[in-house]
Amino acid sequence: MTDAEVPEPLFTTLLADSDGYCRWKCRLPDSDVGDSYVELLVWLANDGTMAIATRPLVERTWSPPVYCRRV
C-alpha cells in the first residue's frame, strides 16, 4: 500500500494512564524458539505516535522501542 492509498482514519477514544500514554501488553507465542512466549508492549501517545517492544518472559528487559507508521 502506498501513501496515496492510505484510507481516511476512523477515530476512537482510548483510555490512557495519568501520564497521557496508552499501553497494551500481551503474550505472543514465539514459534522461532519452540513453545515459549514473548511479551509484546504497544505504546500509543496522544500525538498519534505508536511504538512496540518485546521481551522474553524469563528476562526483565524490554527491547528498544520500534516506532511504527500508519500504512
PDB file of N, CA and C in Angstrom:
ATOM      1  N   MET A   1       0.848  -1.170   0.000  1.00  0.00           N
ATOM      2  CA  MET A   1       0.000   0.000   0.000  1.00  0.00           C
ATOM      3  C   MET A   1       0.897   1.238   0.000  1.00  0.00           C
ATOM      4  N   THR A   2       0.649   2.167  -0.885  1.00  0.00           N
ATOM      5  CA  THR A   2       1.430   3.400  -0.946  1.00  0.00           C
ATOM      6  C   THR A   2       0.770   4.465  -0.076  1.00  0.00           C
ATOM      7  N   ASP A   3       1.497   5.568   0.132  1.00  0.00           N
ATOM      8  CA  ASP A   3       0.940   6.657   0.935  1.00  0.00           C
ATOM      9  C   ASP A   3      -0.342   7.204   0.317  1.00  0.00           C
ATOM     10  N   ALA A   4      -0.439   7.161  -1.005  1.00  0.00           N
ATOM     11  CA  ALA A   4      -1.636   7.660  -1.678  1.00  0.00           C
ATOM     12  C   ALA A   4      -2.838   6.765  -1.423  1.00  0.00           C
ATOM     13  N   GLU A   5      -2.600   5.503  -1.037  1.00  0.00           N
ATOM     14  CA  GLU A   5      -3.681   4.552  -0.816  1.00  0.00           C
ATOM     15  C   GLU A   5      -4.108   4.432   0.643  1.00  0.00           C
ATOM     16  N   VAL A   6      -3.497   5.214   1.530  1.00  0.00           N
ATOM     17  CA  VAL A   6      -3.852   5.138   2.948  1.00  0.00           C
ATOM     18  C   VAL A   6      -5.270   5.658   3.123  1.00  0.00           C
ATOM     19  N   PRO A   7      -6.159   4.840   3.674  1.00  0.00           N
ATOM     20  CA  PRO A   7      -7.544   5.283   3.849  1.00  0.00           C
ATOM     21  C   PRO A   7      -7.666   6.343   4.936  1.00  0.00           C
ATOM     22  N   GLU A   8      -8.740   7.084   4.891  1.00  0.00           N
ATOM     23  CA  GLU A   8      -9.012   8.056   5.944  1.00  0.00           C
ATOM     24  C   GLU A   8      -9.181   7.327   7.271  1.00  0.00           C
ATOM     25  N   PRO A   9      -8.624   7.856   8.340  1.00  0.00           N
ATOM     26  CA  PRO A   9      -8.715   7.158   9.621  1.00  0.00           C
ATOM     27  C   PRO A   9     -10.105   7.280  10.241  1.00  0.00           C
ATOM     28  N   LEU A  10     -10.463   6.256  11.004  1.00  0.00           N
ATOM     29  CA  LEU A  10     -11.617   6.319  11.880  1.00  0.00           C
ATOM     30  C   LEU A  10     -11.075   6.681  13.251  1.00  0.00           C
ATOM     31  N   PHE A  11     -11.825   7.391  14.027  1.00  0.00           N
ATOM     32  CA  PHE A  11     -11.337   7.834  15.326  1.00  0.00           C
ATOM     33  C   PHE A  11     -12.021   7.063  16.434  1.00  0.00           C
ATOM     34  N   THR A  12     -11.256   6.771  17.460  1.00  0.00           N
ATOM     35  CA  THR A  12     -11.782   6.106  18.640  1.00  0.00           C
ATOM     36  C   THR A  12     -11.110   6.719  19.863  1.00  0.00           C
ATOM     37  N   THR A  13     -11.702   6.551  21.014  1.00  0.00           N
ATOM     38  CA  THR A  13     -11.133   7.072  22.250  1.00  0.00           C
ATOM     39  C   THR A  13     -10.514   5.924  23.027  1.00  0.00           C
ATOM     40  N   LEU A  14      -9.246   6.088  23.416  1.00  0.00           N
ATOM     41  CA  LEU A  14      -8.550   5.101  24.229  1.00  0.00           C
ATOM     42  C   LEU A  14      -8.253   5.709  25.587  1.00  0.00           C
ATOM     43  N   LEU A  15      -8.468   4.932  26.621  1.00  0.00           N
ATOM     44  CA  LEU A  15      -8.144   5.412  27.957  1.00  0.00           C
ATOM     45  C   LEU A  15      -6.639   5.347  28.160  1.00  0.00           C
ATOM     46  N   ALA A  16      -6.069   6.391  28.705  1.00  0.00           N
ATOM     47  CA  ALA A  16      -4.629   6.462  28.919  1.00  0.00           C
ATOM     48  C   ALA A  16      -4.318   6.502  30.410  1.00  0.00           C
ATOM     49  N   ASP A  17      -3.069   6.202  30.724  1.00  0.00           N
ATOM     50  CA  ASP A  17      -2.596   6.339  32.092  1.00  0.00           C
ATOM     51  C   ASP A  17      -2.492   7.826  32.433  1.00  0.00           C
ATOM     52  N   SER A  18      -2.179   8.124  33.675  1.00  0.00           N
ATOM     53  CA  SER A  18      -2.122   9.522  34.108  1.00  0.00           C
ATOM     54  C   SER A  18      -1.036  10.322  33.386  1.00  0.00           C
ATOM     55  N   ASP A  19      -0.075   9.652  32.756  1.00  0.00           N
ATOM     56  CA  ASP A  19       0.960  10.371  32.015  1.00  0.00           C
ATOM     57  C   ASP A  19       0.560  10.653  30.568  1.00  0.00           C
ATOM     58  N   GLY A  20      -0.666  10.267  30.175  1.00  0.00           N
ATOM     59  CA  GLY A  20      -1.159  10.571  28.834  1.00  0.00           C
ATOM     60  C   GLY A  20      -0.866   9.515  27.789  1.00  0.00           C
ATOM     61  N   TYR A  21      -0.268   8.384  28.175  1.00  0.00           N
ATOM     62  CA  TYR A  21       0.053   7.328  27.226  1.00  0.00           C
ATOM     63  C   TYR A  21      -0.818   6.104  27.477  1.00  0.00           C
ATOM     64  N   CYS A  22      -1.182   5.445  26.402  1.00  0.00           N
ATOM     65  CA  CYS A  22      -1.971   4.219  26.477  1.00  0.00           C
ATOM     66  C   CYS A  22      -1.025   3.050  26.218  1.00  0.00           C
ATOM     67  N   ARG A  23      -1.003   2.102  27.111  1.00  0.00           N
ATOM     68  CA  ARG A  23      -0.122   0.943  26.966  1.00  0.00           C
ATOM     69  C   ARG A  23      -0.950  -0.338  26.971  1.00  0.00           C
ATOM     70  N   TRP A  24      -0.670  -1.213  26.021  1.00  0.00           N
ATOM     71  CA  TRP A  24      -1.315  -2.521  25.943  1.00  0.00           C
ATOM     72  C   TRP A  24      -0.216  -3.565  25.966  1.00  0.00           C
ATOM     73  N   LYS A  25      -0.419  -4.644  26.709  1.00  0.00           N
ATOM     74  CA  LYS A  25       0.582  -5.693  26.801  1.00  0.00           C
ATOM     75  C   LYS A  25      -0.101  -7.042  26.634  1.00  0.00           C
ATOM     76  N   CYS A  26       0.562  -7.962  25.904  1.00  0.00           N
ATOM     77  CA  CYS A  26       0.021  -9.313  25.751  1.00  0.00           C
ATOM     78  C   CYS A  26       1.182 -10.288  25.597  1.00  0.00           C
ATOM     79  N   ARG A  27       0.858 -11.571  25.639  1.00  0.00           N
ATOM     80  CA  ARG A  27       1.839 -12.622  25.395  1.00  0.00           C
ATOM     81  C   ARG A  27       1.579 -13.210  24.022  1.00  0.00           C
ATOM     82  N   LEU A  28       2.653 -13.399  23.265  1.00  0.00           N
ATOM     83  CA  LEU A  28       2.569 -13.995  21.939  1.00  0.00           C
ATOM     84  C   LEU A  28       3.392 -15.270  21.901  1.00  0.00           C
ATOM     85  N   PRO A  29       2.875 -16.316  21.238  1.00  0.00           N
ATOM     86  CA  PRO A  29       3.718 -17.499  21.064  1.00  0.00           C
ATOM     87  C   PRO A  29       4.881 -17.159  20.152  1.00  0.00           C
ATOM     88  N   ASP A  30       6.072 -17.601  20.510  1.00  0.00           N
ATOM     89  CA  ASP A  30       7.269 -17.349  19.714  1.00  0.00           C
ATOM     90  C   ASP A  30       7.634 -18.643  18.994  1.00  0.00           C
ATOM     91  N   SER A  31       7.127 -18.823  17.802  1.00  0.00           N
ATOM     92  CA  SER A  31       7.330 -20.082  17.080  1.00  0.00           C
ATOM     93  C   SER A  31       8.776 -20.283  16.654  1.00  0.00           C
ATOM     94  N   ASP A  32       9.597 -19.221  16.709  1.00  0.00           N
ATOM     95  CA  ASP A  32      11.003 -19.369  16.343  1.00  0.00           C
ATOM     96  C   ASP A  32      11.802 -20.162  17.378  1.00  0.00           C
ATOM     97  N   VAL A  33      11.344 -20.158  18.613  1.00  0.00           N
ATOM     98  CA  VAL A  33      12.090 -20.846  19.672  1.00  0.00           C
ATOM     99  C   VAL A  33      11.244 -21.919  20.365  1.00  0.00           C
ATOM    100  N   GLY A  34      10.321 -22.495  19.656  1.00  0.00           N
ATOM    101  CA  GLY A  34       9.530 -23.578  20.224  1.00  0.00           C
ATOM    102  C   GLY A  34       8.267 -23.100  20.892  1.00  0.00           C
ATOM    103  N   ASP A  35       7.987 -23.647  22.055  1.00  0.00           N
ATOM    104  CA  ASP A  35       6.721 -23.368  22.736  1.00  0.00           C
ATOM    105  C   ASP A  35       6.801 -22.243  23.747  1.00  0.00           C
ATOM    106  N   SER A  36       7.802 -21.378  23.669  1.00  0.00           N
ATOM    107  CA  SER A  36       7.901 -20.282  24.621  1.00  0.00           C
ATOM    108  C   SER A  36       7.117 -19.073  24.118  1.00  0.00           C
ATOM    109  N   TYR A  37       7.039 -18.073  24.959  1.00  0.00           N
ATOM    110  CA  TYR A  37       6.278 -16.863  24.648  1.00  0.00           C
ATOM    111  C   TYR A  37       7.159 -15.638  24.788  1.00  0.00           C
ATOM    112  N   VAL A  38       6.742 -14.553  24.155  1.00  0.00           N
ATOM    113  CA  VAL A  38       7.331 -13.237  24.384  1.00  0.00           C
ATOM    114  C   VAL A  38       6.203 -12.297  24.771  1.00  0.00           C
ATOM    115  N   GLU A  39       6.539 -11.266  25.510  1.00  0.00           N
ATOM    116  CA  GLU A  39       5.571 -10.221  25.821  1.00  0.00           C
ATOM    117  C   GLU A  39       5.688  -9.136  24.764  1.00  0.00           C
ATOM    118  N   LEU A  40       4.564  -8.597  24.362  1.00  0.00           N
ATOM    119  CA  LEU A  40       4.501  -7.517  23.381  1.00  0.00           C
ATOM    120  C   LEU A  40       3.885  -6.305  24.057  1.00  0.00           C
ATOM    121  N   LEU A  41       4.558  -5.171  23.972  1.00  0.00           N
ATOM    122  CA  LEU A  41       4.059  -3.914  24.524  1.00  0.00           C
ATOM    123  C   LEU A  41       3.753  -2.973  23.369  1.00  0.00           C
ATOM    124  N   VAL A  42       2.531  -2.463  23.330  1.00  0.00           N
ATOM    125  CA  VAL A  42       2.122  -1.481  22.327  1.00  0.00           C
ATOM    126  C   VAL A  42       1.898  -0.178  23.071  1.00  0.00           C
ATOM    127  N   TRP A  43       2.539   0.881  22.628  1.00  0.00           N
ATOM    128  CA  TRP A  43       2.549   2.176  23.310  1.00  0.00           C
ATOM    129  C   TRP A  43       1.992   3.213  22.357  1.00  0.00           C
ATOM    130  N   LEU A  44       0.925   3.894  22.759  1.00  0.00           N
ATOM    131  CA  LEU A  44       0.288   4.913  21.933  1.00  0.00           C
ATOM    132  C   LEU A  44       0.312   6.248  22.654  1.00  0.00           C
ATOM    133  N   ALA A  45       0.767   7.280  21.950  1.00  0.00           N
ATOM    134  CA  ALA A  45       0.782   8.631  22.506  1.00  0.00           C
ATOM    135  C   ALA A  45      -0.376   9.427  21.909  1.00  0.00           C
ATOM    136  N   ASN A  46      -0.782  10.479  22.598  1.00  0.00           N
ATOM    137  CA  ASN A  46      -1.915  11.265  22.118  1.00  0.00           C
ATOM    138  C   ASN A  46      -1.607  12.044  20.852  1.00  0.00           C
ATOM    139  N   ASP A  47      -0.332  12.114  20.450  1.00  0.00           N
ATOM    140  CA  ASP A  47       0.007  12.780  19.191  1.00  0.00           C
ATOM    141  C   ASP A  47      -0.019  11.811  18.006  1.00  0.00           C
ATOM    142  N   GLY A  48      -0.432  10.554  18.246  1.00  0.00           N
ATOM    143  CA  GLY A  48      -0.514   9.564  17.184  1.00  0.00           C
ATOM    144  C   GLY A  48       0.707   8.683  17.052  1.00  0.00           C
ATOM    145  N   THR A  49       1.738   8.940  17.855  1.00  0.00           N
ATOM    146  CA  THR A  49       2.936   8.115  17.825  1.00  0.00           C
ATOM    147  C   THR A  49       2.615   6.731  18.378  1.00  0.00           C
ATOM    148  N   MET A  50       3.128   5.701  17.717  1.00  0.00           N
ATOM    149  CA  MET A  50       2.941   4.329  18.180  1.00  0.00           C
ATOM    150  C   MET A  50       4.293   3.630  18.183  1.00  0.00           C
ATOM    151  N   ALA A  51       4.587   2.924  19.257  1.00  0.00           N
ATOM    152  CA  ALA A  51       5.820   2.162  19.351  1.00  0.00           C
ATOM    153  C   ALA A  51       5.500   0.787  19.909  1.00  0.00           C
ATOM    154  N   ILE A  52       6.348  -0.185  19.567  1.00  0.00           N
ATOM    155  CA  ILE A  52       6.199  -1.533  20.112  1.00  0.00           C
ATOM    156  C   ILE A  52       7.548  -1.989  20.650  1.00  0.00           C
ATOM    157  N   ALA A  53       7.498  -2.903  21.614  1.00  0.00           N
ATOM    158  CA  ALA A  53       8.700  -3.513  22.171  1.00  0.00           C
ATOM    159  C   ALA A  53       8.340  -4.932  22.595  1.00  0.00           C
ATOM    160  N   THR A  54       9.342  -5.788  22.685  1.00  0.00           N
ATOM    161  CA  THR A  54       9.133  -7.165  23.122  1.00  0.00           C
ATOM    162  C   THR A  54      10.136  -7.504  24.214  1.00  0.00           C
ATOM    163  N   ARG A  55       9.827  -8.569  24.952  1.00  0.00           N
ATOM    164  CA  ARG A  55      10.786  -9.125  25.897  1.00  0.00           C
ATOM    165  C   ARG A  55      10.413 -10.578  26.158  1.00  0.00           C
ATOM    166  N   PRO A  56      11.422 -11.426  26.338  1.00  0.00           N
ATOM    167  CA  PRO A  56      11.142 -12.810  26.718  1.00  0.00           C
ATOM    168  C   PRO A  56      10.551 -12.843  28.127  1.00  0.00           C
ATOM    169  N   LEU A  57       9.784 -13.857  28.419  1.00  0.00           N
ATOM    170  CA  LEU A  57       9.174 -13.952  29.745  1.00  0.00           C
ATOM    171  C   LEU A  57      10.211 -14.193  30.834  1.00  0.00           C
ATOM    172  N   VAL A  58      11.350 -14.768  30.493  1.00  0.00           N
ATOM    173  CA  VAL A  58      12.359 -15.090  31.508  1.00  0.00           C
ATOM    174  C   VAL A  58      13.273 -13.920  31.815  1.00  0.00           C
ATOM    175  N   GLU A  59      13.270 -12.886  30.999  1.00  0.00           N
ATOM    176  CA  GLU A  59      14.113 -11.721  31.241  1.00  0.00           C
ATOM    177  C   GLU A  59      13.235 -10.522  31.591  1.00  0.00           C
ATOM    178  N   ARG A  60      13.809  -9.515  32.179  1.00  0.00           N
ATOM    179  CA  ARG A  60      13.026  -8.361  32.608  1.00  0.00           C
ATOM    180  C   ARG A  60      13.311  -7.119  31.789  1.00  0.00           C
ATOM    181  N   THR A  61      14.075  -7.202  30.716  1.00  0.00           N
ATOM    182  CA  THR A  61      14.448  -6.033  29.940  1.00  0.00           C
ATOM    183  C   THR A  61      13.673  -5.998  28.625  1.00  0.00           C
ATOM    184  N   TRP A  62      13.037  -4.871  28.349  1.00  0.00           N
ATOM    185  CA  TRP A  62      12.334  -4.687  27.082  1.00  0.00           C
ATOM    186  C   TRP A  62      13.327  -4.376  25.977  1.00  0.00           C
ATOM    187  N   SER A  63      13.004  -4.783  24.764  1.00  0.00           N
ATOM    188  CA  SER A  63      13.817  -4.412  23.609  1.00  0.00           C
ATOM    189  C   SER A  63      13.705  -2.903  23.405  1.00  0.00           C
ATOM    190  N   PRO A  64      14.632  -2.313  22.654  1.00  0.00           N
ATOM    191  CA  PRO A  64      14.463  -0.901  22.304  1.00  0.00           C
ATOM    192  C   PRO A  64      13.146  -0.725  21.544  1.00  0.00           C
ATOM    193  N   PRO A  65      12.448   0.393  21.731  1.00  0.00           N
ATOM    194  CA  PRO A  65      11.168   0.574  21.037  1.00  0.00           C
ATOM    195  C   PRO A  65      11.368   0.696  19.523  1.00  0.00           C
ATOM    196  N   VAL A  66      10.414   0.152  18.804  1.00  0.00           N
ATOM    197  CA  VAL A  66      10.361   0.302  17.354  1.00  0.00           C
ATOM    198  C   VAL A  66       9.167   1.195  17.073  1.00  0.00           C
ATOM    199  N   TYR A  67       9.391   2.319  16.406  1.00  0.00           N
ATOM    200  CA  TYR A  67       8.317   3.262  16.127  1.00  0.00           C
ATOM    201  C   TYR A  67       7.656   2.892  14.805  1.00  0.00           C
ATOM    202  N   CYS A  68       6.347   2.848  14.828  1.00  0.00           N
ATOM    203  CA  CYS A  68       5.565   2.405  13.676  1.00  0.00           C
ATOM    204  C   CYS A  68       4.970   3.609  12.951  1.00  0.00           C
ATOM    205  N   ARG A  69       4.671   3.385  11.697  1.00  0.00           N
ATOM    206  CA  ARG A  69       3.938   4.404  10.952  1.00  0.00           C
ATOM    207  C   ARG A  69       2.697   3.765  10.379  1.00  0.00           C
ATOM    208  N   ARG A  70       1.697   4.550  10.178  1.00  0.00           N
ATOM    209  CA  ARG A  70       0.424   4.057   9.669  1.00  0.00           C
ATOM    210  C   ARG A  70       0.547   3.743   8.189  1.00  0.00           C
ATOM    211  N   VAL A  71       0.080   2.558   7.816  1.00  0.00           N
ATOM    212  CA  VAL A  71       0.115   2.164   6.399  1.00  0.00           C
ATOM    213  C   VAL A  71      -1.267   1.781   5.935  1.00  0.00           C
TER     214      VAL A  71
END
